[in-house]
Amino acid sequence: MSLEERLVEEMKQAMKSNDKLRLSTIRMIRSALKNKEIELRKRLEDEDVVKVIQVMVRKGEESVEQFQAGGRVDLVEKEKKEIEILKSFLPQPLSQEEIVRIIDQSIQETQASSPKDIGKVMKSVMPKIGGKADGRLINQLVKERLSP
């Protein structure tokens, strides 16, 4: 079952169980996916769907910070619940040990030896990880591995 099909099924379940927050969040995801399809003028694959949802999670986390700074506790709670629903559609994240192992393997493959080679290593690592880890964390770990 593709991720889009899973979204449709989950949306039906949310309607049946009268879960308004889950229903509105799934509708928000499907709307963002439709907009992305129109933008790219092609049908989205699962990895594209994952990228769209990851962007939505990141925006939600930024919103939580803004709401906390503004003292809007009610909106913070709602946003956190939406983020949890969004994350339920993402693949299981890799552990830090798994990420480091992939990074080390890519460093050997690209024969990287200094911080100048971060770009080469990142280009090799990102397809292997396939959205199962945050890009900022990966970048930080690559920098640590290549630092003298």
C-alpha atoms as a PDB file:
ATOM      1  CA  MET A   1       0.000   0.000   0.000  1.00  0.00           C
ATOM      2  CA  SER A   2       1.426   3.380  -0.988  1.00  0.00           C
ATOM      3  CA  LEU A   3       1.619   6.227   1.480  1.00  0.00           C
ATOM      4  CA  GLU A   4      -1.138   8.132  -0.350  1.00  0.00           C
ATOM      5  CA  GLU A   5      -3.455   5.110  -0.151  1.00  0.00           C
ATOM      6  CA  ARG A   6      -2.666   4.839   3.556  1.00  0.00           C
ATOM      7  CA  LEU A   7      -3.581   8.509   3.994  1.00  0.00           C
ATOM      8  CA  VAL A   8      -6.956   7.925   2.331  1.00  0.00           C
ATOM      9  CA  GLU A   9      -7.652   4.901   4.548  1.00  0.00           C
ATOM     10  CA  GLU A  10      -6.619   6.791   7.698  1.00  0.00           C
ATOM     11  CA  MET A  11      -8.817   9.704   6.658  1.00  0.00           C
ATOM     12  CA  LYS A  12     -11.815   7.358   6.349  1.00  0.00           C
ATOM     13  CA  GLN A  13     -11.054   5.921   9.796  1.00  0.00           C
ATOM     14  CA  ALA A  14     -10.811   9.429  11.278  1.00  0.00           C
ATOM     15  CA  MET A  15     -14.204  10.288   9.751  1.00  0.00           C
ATOM     16  CA  LYS A  16     -15.801   7.142  11.172  1.00  0.00           C
ATOM     17  CA  SER A  17     -14.336   7.675  14.636  1.00  0.00           C
ATOM     18  CA  ASN A  18     -15.135  11.406  14.550  1.00  0.00           C
ATOM     19  CA  ASP A  19     -11.497  12.354  15.281  1.00  0.00           C
ATOM     20  CA  LYS A  20     -11.611  15.967  14.097  1.00  0.00           C
ATOM     21  CA  LEU A  21      -7.950  16.838  14.703  1.00  0.00           C
ATOM     22  CA  ARG A  22      -6.644  13.724  12.908  1.00  0.00           C
ATOM     23  CA  LEU A  23      -9.083  14.299  10.044  1.00  0.00           C
ATOM     24  CA  SER A  24      -8.088  17.949   9.590  1.00  0.00           C
ATOM     25  CA  THR A  25      -4.372  17.067   9.773  1.00  0.00           C
ATOM     26  CA  ILE A  26      -4.703  14.340   7.133  1.00  0.00           C
ATOM     27  CA  ARG A  27      -6.684  16.709   4.923  1.00  0.00           C
ATOM     28  CA  MET A  28      -3.917  19.277   5.372  1.00  0.00           C
ATOM     29  CA  ILE A  29      -1.332  16.662   4.280  1.00  0.00           C
ATOM     30  CA  ARG A  30      -3.391  15.653   1.238  1.00  0.00           C
ATOM     31  CA  SER A  31      -3.828  19.307   0.267  1.00  0.00           C
ATOM     32  CA  ALA A  32      -0.061  19.919   0.502  1.00  0.00           C
ATOM     33  CA  LEU A  33       0.552  16.789  -1.592  1.00  0.00           C
ATOM     34  CA  LYS A  34      -1.917  17.932  -4.252  1.00  0.00           C
ATOM     35  CA  ASN A  35      -0.220  21.336  -4.384  1.00  0.00           C
ATOM     36  CA  LYS A  36       3.185  19.654  -4.770  1.00  0.00           C
ATOM     37  CA  GLU A  37       1.835  17.445  -7.584  1.00  0.00           C
ATOM     38  CA  ILE A  38       0.551  20.536  -9.387  1.00  0.00           C
ATOM     39  CA  GLU A  39       3.883  22.306  -8.852  1.00  0.00           C
ATOM     40  CA  LEU A  40       5.939  19.365 -10.144  1.00  0.00           C
ATOM     41  CA  ARG A  41       3.359  18.360 -12.786  1.00  0.00           C
ATOM     42  CA  LYS A  42       3.778  14.690 -11.968  1.00  0.00           C
ATOM     43  CA  ARG A  43       2.416  12.008  -9.678  1.00  0.00           C
ATOM     44  CA  LEU A  44       4.270  11.866  -6.352  1.00  0.00           C
ATOM     45  CA  GLU A  45       6.230   8.786  -5.320  1.00  0.00           C
ATOM     46  CA  ASP A  46       6.397   7.703  -1.660  1.00  0.00           C
ATOM     47  CA  GLU A  47       9.777   9.413  -1.141  1.00  0.00           C
ATOM     48  CA  ASP A  48       8.261  12.702  -2.423  1.00  0.00           C
ATOM     49  CA  VAL A  49       5.337  12.285  -0.016  1.00  0.00           C
ATOM     50  CA  VAL A  50       7.807  11.729   2.855  1.00  0.00           C
ATOM     51  CA  LYS A  51       9.683  14.920   1.923  1.00  0.00           C
ATOM     52  CA  VAL A  52       6.459  16.959   1.917  1.00  0.00           C
ATOM     53  CA  ILE A  53       5.462  15.593   5.327  1.00  0.00           C
ATOM     54  CA  GLN A  54       8.971  16.272   6.709  1.00  0.00           C
ATOM     55  CA  VAL A  55       8.670  19.913   5.611  1.00  0.00           C
ATOM     56  CA  MET A  56       5.292  20.102   7.332  1.00  0.00           C
ATOM     57  CA  VAL A  57       6.794  18.680  10.548  1.00  0.00           C
ATOM     58  CA  ARG A  58       9.632  21.204  10.427  1.00  0.00           C
ATOM     59  CA  LYS A  59       7.183  24.084   9.923  1.00  0.00           C
ATOM     60  CA  GLY A  60       5.067  22.784  12.795  1.00  0.00           C
ATOM     61  CA  GLU A  61       8.088  22.676  15.096  1.00  0.00           C
ATOM     62  CA  GLU A  62       8.933  26.257  14.146  1.00  0.00           C
ATOM     63  CA  SER A  63       5.326  27.239  14.894  1.00  0.00           C
ATOM     64  CA  VAL A  64       5.544  25.607  18.335  1.00  0.00           C
ATOM     65  CA  GLU A  65       8.594  27.755  19.123  1.00  0.00           C
ATOM     66  CA  GLN A  66       6.765  30.894  17.944  1.00  0.00           C
ATOM     67  CA  PHE A  67       3.647  30.066  19.956  1.00  0.00           C
ATOM     68  CA  GLN A  68       5.729  29.358  23.074  1.00  0.00           C
ATOM     69  CA  ALA A  69       7.487  32.694  22.674  1.00  0.00           C
ATOM     70  CA  GLY A  70       4.086  34.360  22.356  1.00  0.00           C
ATOM     71  CA  GLY A  71       2.652  32.551  25.376  1.00  0.00           C
ATOM     72  CA  ARG A  72      -0.066  30.751  23.372  1.00  0.00           C
ATOM     73  CA  VAL A  73      -0.189  27.454  25.284  1.00  0.00           C
ATOM     74  CA  ASP A  74      -3.451  26.411  23.615  1.00  0.00           C
ATOM     75  CA  LEU A  75      -1.906  26.649  20.140  1.00  0.00           C
ATOM     76  CA  VAL A  76       1.287  24.925  21.314  1.00  0.00           C
ATOM     77  CA  GLU A  77      -0.684  21.853  22.393  1.00  0.00           C
ATOM     78  CA  LYS A  78      -2.704  21.718  19.169  1.00  0.00           C
ATOM     79  CA  GLU A  79       0.444  22.052  17.039  1.00  0.00           C
ATOM     80  CA  LYS A  80       2.257  19.327  19.003  1.00  0.00           C
ATOM     81  CA  LYS A  81      -0.656  16.937  18.462  1.00  0.00           C
ATOM     82  CA  GLU A  82      -0.613  17.708  14.725  1.00  0.00           C
ATOM     83  CA  ILE A  83       3.144  17.039  14.612  1.00  0.00           C
ATOM     84  CA  GLU A  84       2.604  13.629  16.240  1.00  0.00           C
ATOM     85  CA  ILE A  85      -0.004  12.776  13.616  1.00  0.00           C
ATOM     86  CA  LEU A  86       2.350  13.928  10.833  1.00  0.00           C
ATOM     87  CA  LYS A  87       5.205  11.855  12.241  1.00  0.00           C
ATOM     88  CA  SER A  88       3.013   8.757  12.268  1.00  0.00           C
ATOM     89  CA  PHE A  89       3.184   8.791   8.453  1.00  0.00           C
ATOM     90  CA  LEU A  90       6.976   9.053   8.307  1.00  0.00           C
ATOM     91  CA  PRO A  91       9.289   6.031   8.208  1.00  0.00           C
ATOM     92  CA  GLN A  92      10.927   4.948  11.466  1.00  0.00           C
ATOM     93  CA  PRO A  93      13.960   7.185  12.052  1.00  0.00           C
ATOM     94  CA  LEU A  94      17.393   5.593  12.074  1.00  0.00           C
ATOM     95  CA  SER A  95      19.350   5.426  15.315  1.00  0.00           C
ATOM     96  CA  GLN A  96      22.423   7.604  15.658  1.00  0.00           C
ATOM     97  CA  GLU A  97      24.661   4.507  15.487  1.00  0.00           C
ATOM     98  CA  GLU A  98      23.105   3.478  12.169  1.00  0.00           C
ATOM     99  CA  ILE A  99      23.536   6.997  10.791  1.00  0.00           C
ATOM    100  CA  VAL A 100      27.202   7.095  11.874  1.00  0.00           C
ATOM    101  CA  ARG A 101      27.807   3.699  10.249  1.00  0.00           C
ATOM    102  CA  ILE A 102      26.351   4.952   6.948  1.00  0.00           C
ATOM    103  CA  ILE A 103      28.417   8.154   7.201  1.00  0.00           C
ATOM    104  CA  ASP A 104      31.630   6.194   7.835  1.00  0.00           C
ATOM    105  CA  GLN A 105      30.872   3.953   4.871  1.00  0.00           C
ATOM    106  CA  SER A 106      30.304   7.014   2.647  1.00  0.00           C
ATOM    107  CA  ILE A 107      33.514   8.650   3.880  1.00  0.00           C
ATOM    108  CA  GLN A 108      35.437   5.542   2.800  1.00  0.00           C
ATOM    109  CA  GLU A 109      33.627   5.384  -0.562  1.00  0.00           C
ATOM    110  CA  THR A 110      34.275   9.050  -1.367  1.00  0.00           C
ATOM    111  CA  GLN A 111      37.768   8.968   0.181  1.00  0.00           C
ATOM    112  CA  ALA A 112      36.941  12.149   2.077  1.00  0.00           C
ATOM    113  CA  SER A 113      39.617  13.364   4.460  1.00  0.00           C
ATOM    114  CA  SER A 114      38.900  16.967   5.427  1.00  0.00           C
ATOM    115  CA  PRO A 115      35.996  19.333   6.108  1.00  0.00           C
ATOM    116  CA  LYS A 116      36.284  20.469   2.466  1.00  0.00           C
ATOM    117  CA  ASP A 117      34.763  17.122   1.454  1.00  0.00           C
ATOM    118  CA  ILE A 118      31.491  17.554   3.401  1.00  0.00           C
ATOM    119  CA  GLY A 119      29.541  18.146   0.180  1.00  0.00           C
ATOM    120  CA  LYS A 120      30.791  14.916  -1.411  1.00  0.00           C
ATOM    121  CA  VAL A 121      29.956  12.887   1.689  1.00  0.00           C
ATOM    122  CA  MET A 122      26.493  14.479   2.073  1.00  0.00           C
ATOM    123  CA  LYS A 123      25.719  13.727  -1.577  1.00  0.00           C
ATOM    124  CA  SER A 124      26.624  10.083  -0.948  1.00  0.00           C
ATOM    125  CA  VAL A 125      24.838   9.772   2.432  1.00  0.00           C
ATOM    126  CA  MET A 126      21.458  11.392   1.737  1.00  0.00           C
ATOM    127  CA  PRO A 127      20.138   8.840  -0.803  1.00  0.00           C
ATOM    128  CA  LYS A 128      21.139   5.965   1.517  1.00  0.00           C
ATOM    129  CA  ILE A 129      19.274   7.454   4.470  1.00  0.00           C
ATOM    130  CA  GLY A 130      16.211   8.273   2.390  1.00  0.00           C
ATOM    131  CA  GLY A 131      14.433  10.658   4.734  1.00  0.00           C
ATOM    132  CA  LYS A 132      14.874   8.500   7.834  1.00  0.00           C
ATOM    133  CA  ALA A 133      16.941  11.148   9.615  1.00  0.00           C
ATOM    134  CA  ASP A 134      17.082  14.928   9.867  1.00  0.00           C
ATOM    135  CA  GLY A 135      19.454  16.550   7.379  1.00  0.00           C
ATOM    136  CA  ARG A 136      20.802  18.964   9.994  1.00  0.00           C
ATOM    137  CA  LEU A 137      21.767  16.066  12.273  1.00  0.00           C
ATOM    138  CA  ILE A 138      23.459  14.259   9.384  1.00  0.00           C
ATOM    139  CA  ASN A 139      25.383  17.393   8.428  1.00  0.00           C
ATOM    140  CA  GLN A 140      26.515  17.884  12.021  1.00  0.00           C
ATOM    141  CA  LEU A 141      27.685  14.254  12.294  1.00  0.00           C
ATOM    142  CA  VAL A 142      29.559  14.448   8.969  1.00  0.00           C
ATOM    143  CA  LYS A 143      31.332  17.629  10.160  1.00  0.00           C
ATOM    144  CA  GLU A 144      32.323  15.880  13.409  1.00  0.00           C
ATOM    145  CA  ARG A 145      33.637  12.820  11.520  1.00  0.00           C
ATOM    146  CA  LEU A 146      35.718  14.942   9.098  1.00  0.00           C
ATOM    147  CA  SER A 147      37.100  17.395  11.661  1.00  0.00           C
ATOM    148  CA  PRO A 148      40.757  16.858  12.552  1.00  0.00           C
END
